[in-house]
C-alpha atoms as a PDB file:
ATOM      1  CA  UNK A   1       0.000   0.000   0.000  1.00  0.00           C
ATOM      2  CA  UNK A   2       1.307   3.448  -0.888  1.00  0.00           C
ATOM      3  CA  UNK A   3       0.778   6.580   1.168  1.00  0.00           C
ATOM      4  CA  UNK A   4      -1.787   7.667  -1.426  1.00  0.00           C
ATOM      5  CA  UNK A   5      -3.776   4.525  -0.626  1.00  0.00           C
ATOM      6  CA  UNK A   6      -3.779   5.191   3.116  1.00  0.00           C
ATOM      7  CA  UNK A   7      -6.907   6.221   4.981  1.00  0.00           C
ATOM      8  CA  UNK A   8      -7.213   9.899   4.123  1.00  0.00           C
ATOM      9  CA  UNK A   9     -10.234  12.069   3.825  1.00  0.00           C
ATOM     10  CA  UNK A  10     -11.621  11.760   0.336  1.00  0.00           C
ATOM     11  CA  UNK A  11     -13.580  14.970   0.476  1.00  0.00           C
ATOM     12  CA  UNK A  12     -13.108  17.631  -2.135  1.00  0.00           C
ATOM     13  CA  UNK A  13      -9.740  19.354  -1.715  1.00  0.00           C
ATOM     14  CA  UNK A  14      -9.916  22.395   0.560  1.00  0.00           C
ATOM     15  CA  UNK A  15      -7.142  24.877  -0.103  1.00  0.00           C
ATOM     16  CA  UNK A  16      -8.135  27.259   2.726  1.00  0.00           C
ATOM     17  CA  UNK A  17      -6.096  25.627   5.527  1.00  0.00           C
ATOM     18  CA  UNK A  18      -3.097  25.365   3.191  1.00  0.00           C
ATOM     19  CA  UNK A  19      -3.388  29.017   2.202  1.00  0.00           C
ATOM     20  CA  UNK A  20      -3.679  30.112   5.846  1.00  0.00           C
ATOM     21  CA  UNK A  21      -0.574  28.139   6.835  1.00  0.00           C
ATOM     22  CA  UNK A  22       1.298  29.377   3.744  1.00  0.00           C
ATOM     23  CA  UNK A  23       0.578  32.984   4.689  1.00  0.00           C
ATOM     24  CA  UNK A  24       1.318  32.473   8.371  1.00  0.00           C
ATOM     25  CA  UNK A  25       4.365  30.230   8.194  1.00  0.00           C
ATOM     26  CA  UNK A  26       6.055  30.588   4.833  1.00  0.00           C
ATOM     27  CA  UNK A  27       5.346  34.038   3.404  1.00  0.00           C
ATOM     28  CA  UNK A  28       7.158  35.742   6.319  1.00  0.00           C
ATOM     29  CA  UNK A  29      10.189  33.533   5.630  1.00  0.00           C
ATOM     30  CA  UNK A  30      10.046  34.438   1.948  1.00  0.00           C
ATOM     31  CA  UNK A  31       9.958  38.137   2.825  1.00  0.00           C
ATOM     32  CA  UNK A  32      12.892  37.691   5.221  1.00  0.00           C
ATOM     33  CA  UNK A  33      14.837  35.967   2.450  1.00  0.00           C
ATOM     34  CA  UNK A  34      14.064  38.617  -0.173  1.00  0.00           C
ATOM     35  CA  UNK A  35      14.971  41.388   2.277  1.00  0.00           C
ATOM     36  CA  UNK A  36      18.325  39.689   3.028  1.00  0.00           C
ATOM     37  CA  UNK A  37      17.524  38.867   6.675  1.00  0.00           C
ATOM     38  CA  UNK A  38      17.960  35.110   6.268  1.00  0.00           C
ATOM     39  CA  UNK A  39      20.123  32.822   4.155  1.00  0.00           C
ATOM     40  CA  UNK A  40      18.974  30.396   1.495  1.00  0.00           C
ATOM     41  CA  UNK A  41      19.626  27.514   3.900  1.00  0.00           C
ATOM     42  CA  UNK A  42      17.412  29.160   6.515  1.00  0.00           C
ATOM     43  CA  UNK A  43      14.722  29.704   3.883  1.00  0.00           C
ATOM     44  CA  UNK A  44      14.820  25.984   3.084  1.00  0.00           C
ATOM     45  CA  UNK A  45      14.715  25.092   6.791  1.00  0.00           C
ATOM     46  CA  UNK A  46      11.601  27.248   7.280  1.00  0.00           C
ATOM     47  CA  UNK A  47       9.933  25.951   4.079  1.00  0.00           C
ATOM     48  CA  UNK A  48      10.222  22.211   4.714  1.00  0.00           C
ATOM     49  CA  UNK A  49       7.726  21.906   7.618  1.00  0.00           C
ATOM     50  CA  UNK A  50       5.052  23.626   5.515  1.00  0.00           C
ATOM     51  CA  UNK A  51       5.872  21.624   2.392  1.00  0.00           C
ATOM     52  CA  UNK A  52       6.047  18.260   4.151  1.00  0.00           C
ATOM     53  CA  UNK A  53       3.072  18.966   6.442  1.00  0.00           C
ATOM     54  CA  UNK A  54       0.075  20.985   5.239  1.00  0.00           C
ATOM     55  CA  UNK A  55       0.998  20.851   1.551  1.00  0.00           C
ATOM     56  CA  UNK A  56       1.657  17.122   1.543  1.00  0.00           C
ATOM     57  CA  UNK A  57      -1.729  16.432   3.168  1.00  0.00           C
ATOM     58  CA  UNK A  58      -3.470  18.712   0.645  1.00  0.00           C
ATOM     59  CA  UNK A  59      -1.639  17.125  -2.271  1.00  0.00           C
ATOM     60  CA  UNK A  60      -2.702  13.645  -1.202  1.00  0.00           C
ATOM     61  CA  UNK A  61      -6.311  14.832  -0.993  1.00  0.00           C
ATOM     62  CA  UNK A  62      -6.057  16.202  -4.536  1.00  0.00           C
ATOM     63  CA  UNK A  63      -4.650  12.896  -5.738  1.00  0.00           C
ATOM     64  CA  UNK A  64      -7.357  10.949  -3.931  1.00  0.00           C
ATOM     65  CA  UNK A  65     -10.081  13.191  -5.420  1.00  0.00           C
ATOM     66  CA  UNK A  66      -8.652  12.569  -8.889  1.00  0.00           C
ATOM     67  CA  UNK A  67      -8.581   8.814  -8.360  1.00  0.00           C
ATOM     68  CA  UNK A  68     -12.162   8.767  -7.131  1.00  0.00           C
ATOM     69  CA  UNK A  69     -13.594  10.843  -9.963  1.00  0.00           C
ATOM     70  CA  UNK A  70     -11.515   9.378 -12.777  1.00  0.00           C
ATOM     71  CA  UNK A  71     -11.224   5.775 -11.681  1.00  0.00           C
ATOM     72  CA  UNK A  72      -7.443   6.077 -12.010  1.00  0.00           C
ATOM     73  CA  UNK A  73      -5.319   3.455 -10.300  1.00  0.00           C
ATOM     74  CA  UNK A  74      -2.313   5.771 -10.120  1.00  0.00           C
ATOM     75  CA  UNK A  75      -0.654   4.199 -13.143  1.00  0.00           C
ATOM     76  CA  UNK A  76       0.703   6.615 -15.735  1.00  0.00           C
ATOM     77  CA  UNK A  77      -1.960   7.103 -18.365  1.00  0.00           C
ATOM     78  CA  UNK A  78      -1.395   8.393 -21.867  1.00  0.00           C
ATOM     79  CA  UNK A  79      -3.065  11.496 -23.185  1.00  0.00           C
ATOM     80  CA  UNK A  80      -4.842  14.366 -21.538  1.00  0.00           C
ATOM     81  CA  UNK A  81      -7.734  13.819 -19.126  1.00  0.00           C
ATOM     82  CA  UNK A  82     -11.096  13.656 -20.878  1.00  0.00           C
ATOM     83  CA  UNK A  83     -13.085  16.878 -20.916  1.00  0.00           C
ATOM     84  CA  UNK A  84     -15.700  15.903 -18.377  1.00  0.00           C
ATOM     85  CA  UNK A  85     -17.283  18.247 -15.799  1.00  0.00           C
ATOM     86  CA  UNK A  86     -16.921  15.624 -13.063  1.00  0.00           C
ATOM     87  CA  UNK A  87     -13.131  16.075 -13.271  1.00  0.00           C
ATOM     88  CA  UNK A  88     -13.322  19.855 -12.774  1.00  0.00           C
ATOM     89  CA  UNK A  89     -12.589  19.970  -9.038  1.00  0.00           C
ATOM     90  CA  UNK A  90      -9.409  17.899  -8.951  1.00  0.00           C
ATOM     91  CA  UNK A  91      -8.164  19.496 -12.172  1.00  0.00           C
ATOM     92  CA  UNK A  92      -8.596  22.969 -10.654  1.00  0.00           C
ATOM     93  CA  UNK A  93      -6.284  21.948  -7.812  1.00  0.00           C
ATOM     94  CA  UNK A  94      -3.513  20.344  -9.882  1.00  0.00           C
ATOM     95  CA  UNK A  95      -1.844  23.733 -10.611  1.00  0.00           C
ATOM     96  CA  UNK A  96      -1.359  24.264  -6.854  1.00  0.00           C
ATOM     97  CA  UNK A  97       0.405  20.920  -6.570  1.00  0.00           C
ATOM     98  CA  UNK A  98       2.570  21.647  -9.602  1.00  0.00           C
ATOM     99  CA  UNK A  99       3.472  25.141  -8.356  1.00  0.00           C
ATOM    100  CA  UNK A 100       4.368  23.821  -4.894  1.00  0.00           C
ATOM    101  CA  UNK A 101       6.644  21.148  -6.303  1.00  0.00           C
ATOM    102  CA  UNK A 102       8.313  23.681  -8.597  1.00  0.00           C
ATOM    103  CA  UNK A 103       8.769  26.069  -5.670  1.00  0.00           C
ATOM    104  CA  UNK A 104      10.340  23.272  -3.635  1.00  0.00           C
ATOM    105  CA  UNK A 105      12.839  22.645  -6.444  1.00  0.00           C
ATOM    106  CA  UNK A 106      13.615  26.370  -6.720  1.00  0.00           C
ATOM    107  CA  UNK A 107      14.263  26.620  -2.976  1.00  0.00           C
ATOM    108  CA  UNK A 108      16.600  23.621  -3.227  1.00  0.00           C
ATOM    109  CA  UNK A 109      18.470  25.291  -6.111  1.00  0.00           C
ATOM    110  CA  UNK A 110      18.795  28.522  -4.103  1.00  0.00           C
ATOM    111  CA  UNK A 111      20.098  26.612  -1.087  1.00  0.00           C
ATOM    112  CA  UNK A 112      22.642  24.757  -3.234  1.00  0.00           C
ATOM    113  CA  UNK A 113      23.793  27.962  -4.917  1.00  0.00           C
ATOM    114  CA  UNK A 114      23.869  30.220  -1.862  1.00  0.00           C
ATOM    115  CA  UNK A 115      24.030  28.004   1.214  1.00  0.00           C
ATOM    116  CA  UNK A 116      24.412  30.284   4.222  1.00  0.00           C
ATOM    117  CA  UNK A 117      24.593  33.418   2.079  1.00  0.00           C
ATOM    118  CA  UNK A 118      21.744  35.829   1.434  1.00  0.00           C
ATOM    119  CA  UNK A 119      19.954  36.574  -1.818  1.00  0.00           C
ATOM    120  CA  UNK A 120      22.191  39.535  -2.670  1.00  0.00           C
ATOM    121  CA  UNK A 121      25.051  37.087  -3.316  1.00  0.00           C
ATOM    122  CA  UNK A 122      23.298  35.284  -6.173  1.00  0.00           C
ATOM    123  CA  UNK A 123      24.954  35.271  -9.558  1.00  0.00           C
ATOM    124  CA  UNK A 124      21.640  34.555 -11.311  1.00  0.00           C
ATOM    125  CA  UNK A 125      19.299  37.428 -10.449  1.00  0.00           C
ATOM    126  CA  UNK A 126      16.445  35.909 -12.451  1.00  0.00           C
ATOM    127  CA  UNK A 127      16.028  33.269  -9.743  1.00  0.00           C
ATOM    128  CA  UNK A 128      15.188  36.015  -7.268  1.00  0.00           C
ATOM    129  CA  UNK A 129      12.579  37.441  -9.621  1.00  0.00           C
ATOM    130  CA  UNK A 130      11.220  33.932 -10.256  1.00  0.00           C
ATOM    131  CA  UNK A 131      11.029  33.259  -6.515  1.00  0.00           C
ATOM    132  CA  UNK A 132       9.154  36.494  -5.761  1.00  0.00           C
ATOM    133  CA  UNK A 133       6.793  35.929  -8.684  1.00  0.00           C
ATOM    134  CA  UNK A 134       6.000  32.351  -7.653  1.00  0.00           C
ATOM    135  CA  UNK A 135       5.323  33.369  -4.030  1.00  0.00           C
ATOM    136  CA  UNK A 136       2.853  36.034  -5.144  1.00  0.00           C
ATOM    137  CA  UNK A 137       1.228  33.982  -7.904  1.00  0.00           C
ATOM    138  CA  UNK A 138       0.828  30.905  -5.719  1.00  0.00           C
ATOM    139  CA  UNK A 139      -0.944  32.997  -3.102  1.00  0.00           C
ATOM    140  CA  UNK A 140      -3.275  34.416  -5.748  1.00  0.00           C
ATOM    141  CA  UNK A 141      -3.960  30.961  -7.198  1.00  0.00           C
ATOM    142  CA  UNK A 142      -4.850  29.488  -3.810  1.00  0.00           C
ATOM    143  CA  UNK A 143      -6.981  32.523  -2.927  1.00  0.00           C
ATOM    144  CA  UNK A 144      -8.935  32.064  -6.167  1.00  0.00           C
ATOM    145  CA  UNK A 145      -9.685  28.446  -5.232  1.00  0.00           C
ATOM    146  CA  UNK A 146     -10.629  29.384  -1.673  1.00  0.00           C
ATOM    147  CA  UNK A 147     -13.533  31.565  -2.818  1.00  0.00           C
END
């Protein structure tokens, strides 16, 4: 049995608790990082509890909702999902999962590049712009699903 098969709530995904924790726990760390108050390693340290806790639980609920509506067994399927209104809810939440996983990779890249240094030491300034953009856009995306 995989973790996705474990006994989790199979209700429709609810992004509100994730958004609240994101704003309370992670956004302040992101601001501290962008304002050069913490290092990339500290950013990663403050990100991981949110990513591995509230996000992971949300992500599993999204996966479970997809499996229930689509009949998927979790095996890689070819092609795009069929255009069917019953798939709308899980499909609306997939972008949050994708954005979170991309943000996790970006934070890892920043930590590898900078370690205990702050953002002003980066040699690739676009990563800073990408980071700030993702933080803001992810908040907006989750807020749109919370309505």
